[in-house]
Amino acid sequence: MTPEKMASMDPVMLMSMVNMKIRDEFGDLDNYVKFYELDKDALIKKLADAGFDYLEEAKQFR
């Protein structure tokens, strides 16, 4: 995942993929964004603009 791909990806597909990667590989959002060198705030904003919030306790976007 590159920042460019994140910016251009459909938000529903992005949310689904990020949740799967967090669940299966990274454990939390911080590890995910660090591995891919993504801007955490930009990712959260993109998904929030589409109606998804990151729930820290659930470790997923909903």
N, C-alpha and C. Protein backbone atom coordinates (compact mmCIF):
# COMPACT_ATOMS: atom_id res chain seq x y z
N MET A 1 0.85 -1.18 0.00
CA MET A 1 0.00 0.00 0.00
C MET A 1 0.90 1.24 0.00
N THR A 2 0.67 2.06 -0.96
CA THR A 2 1.40 3.32 -1.03
C THR A 2 0.45 4.45 -0.67
N PRO A 3 0.99 5.60 -0.27
CA PRO A 3 0.11 6.74 0.01
C PRO A 3 -0.75 7.12 -1.20
N GLU A 4 -0.21 7.00 -2.40
CA GLU A 4 -0.96 7.32 -3.61
C GLU A 4 -2.13 6.36 -3.80
N LYS A 5 -1.87 5.07 -3.59
CA LYS A 5 -2.92 4.07 -3.74
C LYS A 5 -4.00 4.29 -2.68
N MET A 6 -3.59 4.60 -1.45
CA MET A 6 -4.55 4.86 -0.39
C MET A 6 -5.46 6.03 -0.77
N ALA A 7 -4.87 7.09 -1.31
CA ALA A 7 -5.63 8.29 -1.66
C ALA A 7 -6.64 8.03 -2.78
N SER A 8 -6.31 7.13 -3.69
CA SER A 8 -7.18 6.89 -4.84
C SER A 8 -8.16 5.73 -4.66
N MET A 9 -7.99 4.96 -3.61
CA MET A 9 -8.80 3.76 -3.42
C MET A 9 -10.22 4.10 -2.95
N ASP A 10 -11.18 3.32 -3.41
CA ASP A 10 -12.55 3.44 -2.94
C ASP A 10 -12.57 3.27 -1.41
N PRO A 11 -13.23 4.17 -0.68
CA PRO A 11 -13.18 4.12 0.79
C PRO A 11 -13.74 2.83 1.39
N VAL A 12 -14.76 2.25 0.79
CA VAL A 12 -15.33 1.01 1.33
C VAL A 12 -14.33 -0.14 1.17
N MET A 13 -13.70 -0.21 0.02
CA MET A 13 -12.67 -1.25 -0.20
C MET A 13 -11.47 -1.02 0.72
N LEU A 14 -11.07 0.25 0.87
CA LEU A 14 -9.95 0.59 1.74
C LEU A 14 -10.25 0.18 3.17
N MET A 15 -11.44 0.52 3.67
CA MET A 15 -11.81 0.16 5.04
C MET A 15 -11.77 -1.35 5.24
N SER A 16 -12.31 -2.08 4.29
CA SER A 16 -12.32 -3.54 4.38
C SER A 16 -10.90 -4.11 4.40
N MET A 17 -10.06 -3.62 3.51
CA MET A 17 -8.69 -4.11 3.44
C MET A 17 -7.91 -3.76 4.70
N VAL A 18 -8.03 -2.52 5.17
CA VAL A 18 -7.30 -2.11 6.38
C VAL A 18 -7.75 -2.95 7.57
N ASN A 19 -9.05 -3.14 7.74
CA ASN A 19 -9.52 -3.96 8.86
C ASN A 19 -8.98 -5.38 8.78
N MET A 20 -8.96 -5.96 7.58
CA MET A 20 -8.43 -7.31 7.42
C MET A 20 -6.95 -7.37 7.77
N LYS A 21 -6.18 -6.40 7.27
CA LYS A 21 -4.74 -6.38 7.55
C LYS A 21 -4.46 -6.19 9.03
N ILE A 22 -5.22 -5.29 9.68
CA ILE A 22 -5.03 -5.09 11.12
C ILE A 22 -5.34 -6.39 11.87
N ARG A 23 -6.45 -7.01 11.52
CA ARG A 23 -6.85 -8.26 12.19
C ARG A 23 -5.86 -9.40 11.95
N ASP A 24 -5.44 -9.58 10.71
CA ASP A 24 -4.64 -10.76 10.35
C ASP A 24 -3.13 -10.59 10.50
N GLU A 25 -2.63 -9.34 10.40
CA GLU A 25 -1.19 -9.17 10.35
C GLU A 25 -0.60 -8.18 11.35
N PHE A 26 -1.31 -7.09 11.64
CA PHE A 26 -0.65 -6.00 12.35
C PHE A 26 -1.12 -5.76 13.78
N GLY A 27 -2.30 -6.17 14.15
CA GLY A 27 -2.76 -6.02 15.52
C GLY A 27 -3.37 -4.68 15.86
N ASP A 28 -2.89 -3.60 15.25
CA ASP A 28 -3.49 -2.29 15.48
C ASP A 28 -3.14 -1.34 14.34
N LEU A 29 -3.82 -0.21 14.33
CA LEU A 29 -3.65 0.76 13.26
C LEU A 29 -2.24 1.35 13.24
N ASP A 30 -1.66 1.60 14.39
CA ASP A 30 -0.32 2.18 14.44
C ASP A 30 0.71 1.30 13.73
N ASN A 31 0.67 0.01 13.97
CA ASN A 31 1.60 -0.91 13.31
C ASN A 31 1.37 -0.95 11.80
N TYR A 32 0.11 -0.89 11.40
CA TYR A 32 -0.24 -0.91 9.97
C TYR A 32 0.33 0.32 9.26
N VAL A 33 0.05 1.51 9.78
CA VAL A 33 0.51 2.73 9.09
C VAL A 33 2.04 2.85 9.14
N LYS A 34 2.65 2.38 10.21
CA LYS A 34 4.11 2.42 10.31
C LYS A 34 4.74 1.51 9.25
N PHE A 35 4.22 0.31 9.09
CA PHE A 35 4.78 -0.64 8.13
C PHE A 35 4.71 -0.08 6.71
N TYR A 36 3.57 0.51 6.35
CA TYR A 36 3.38 1.02 4.99
C TYR A 36 3.80 2.48 4.82
N GLU A 37 4.31 3.08 5.90
CA GLU A 37 4.75 4.48 5.89
C GLU A 37 3.63 5.40 5.40
N LEU A 38 2.45 5.22 6.00
CA LEU A 38 1.27 6.01 5.65
C LEU A 38 1.04 7.09 6.70
N ASP A 39 0.36 8.14 6.30
CA ASP A 39 -0.04 9.21 7.21
C ASP A 39 -1.32 8.74 7.92
N LYS A 40 -1.20 8.45 9.20
CA LYS A 40 -2.32 7.93 9.97
C LYS A 40 -3.51 8.90 9.94
N ASP A 41 -3.24 10.18 10.13
CA ASP A 41 -4.31 11.17 10.13
C ASP A 41 -5.03 11.24 8.79
N ALA A 42 -4.28 11.12 7.69
CA ALA A 42 -4.87 11.15 6.36
C ALA A 42 -5.77 9.92 6.14
N LEU A 43 -5.33 8.77 6.59
CA LEU A 43 -6.12 7.55 6.47
C LEU A 43 -7.41 7.68 7.28
N ILE A 44 -7.28 8.13 8.53
CA ILE A 44 -8.46 8.28 9.38
C ILE A 44 -9.43 9.29 8.76
N LYS A 45 -8.92 10.39 8.23
CA LYS A 45 -9.78 11.41 7.62
C LYS A 45 -10.49 10.88 6.39
N LYS A 46 -9.75 10.17 5.53
CA LYS A 46 -10.36 9.62 4.31
C LYS A 46 -11.52 8.70 4.67
N LEU A 47 -11.31 7.85 5.65
CA LEU A 47 -12.37 6.92 6.03
C LEU A 47 -13.48 7.61 6.82
N ALA A 48 -13.14 8.61 7.62
CA ALA A 48 -14.16 9.38 8.35
C ALA A 48 -15.06 10.13 7.37
N ASP A 49 -14.46 10.67 6.32
CA ASP A 49 -15.24 11.38 5.30
C ASP A 49 -16.25 10.45 4.62
N ALA A 50 -15.97 9.15 4.63
CA ALA A 50 -16.88 8.17 4.05
C ALA A 50 -17.82 7.58 5.10
N GLY A 51 -17.72 8.06 6.34
CA GLY A 51 -18.63 7.62 7.39
C GLY A 51 -18.10 6.54 8.31
N PHE A 52 -16.80 6.24 8.22
CA PHE A 52 -16.22 5.20 9.06
C PHE A 52 -15.33 5.84 10.14
N ASP A 53 -15.51 5.38 11.37
CA ASP A 53 -14.67 5.84 12.48
C ASP A 53 -13.80 4.70 12.94
N TYR A 54 -12.57 5.04 13.42
CA TYR A 54 -11.70 4.01 13.97
C TYR A 54 -12.04 3.83 15.43
N LEU A 55 -12.39 2.62 15.80
CA LEU A 55 -12.71 2.28 17.18
C LEU A 55 -11.50 1.60 17.79
N GLU A 56 -10.79 2.35 18.63
CA GLU A 56 -9.55 1.86 19.23
C GLU A 56 -9.75 0.56 19.99
N GLU A 57 -10.84 0.46 20.78
CA GLU A 57 -11.07 -0.74 21.57
C GLU A 57 -11.35 -1.97 20.71
N ALA A 58 -11.95 -1.77 19.55
CA ALA A 58 -12.24 -2.88 18.63
C ALA A 58 -11.11 -3.09 17.63
N LYS A 59 -10.22 -2.09 17.51
CA LYS A 59 -9.11 -2.11 16.57
C LYS A 59 -9.60 -2.32 15.13
N GLN A 60 -10.63 -1.54 14.78
CA GLN A 60 -11.14 -1.60 13.41
C GLN A 60 -11.97 -0.35 13.11
N PHE A 61 -12.14 -0.14 11.82
CA PHE A 61 -13.00 0.95 11.34
C PHE A 61 -14.41 0.39 11.23
N ARG A 62 -15.36 1.21 11.62
CA ARG A 62 -16.78 0.84 11.48
C ARG A 62 -17.56 2.06 11.06
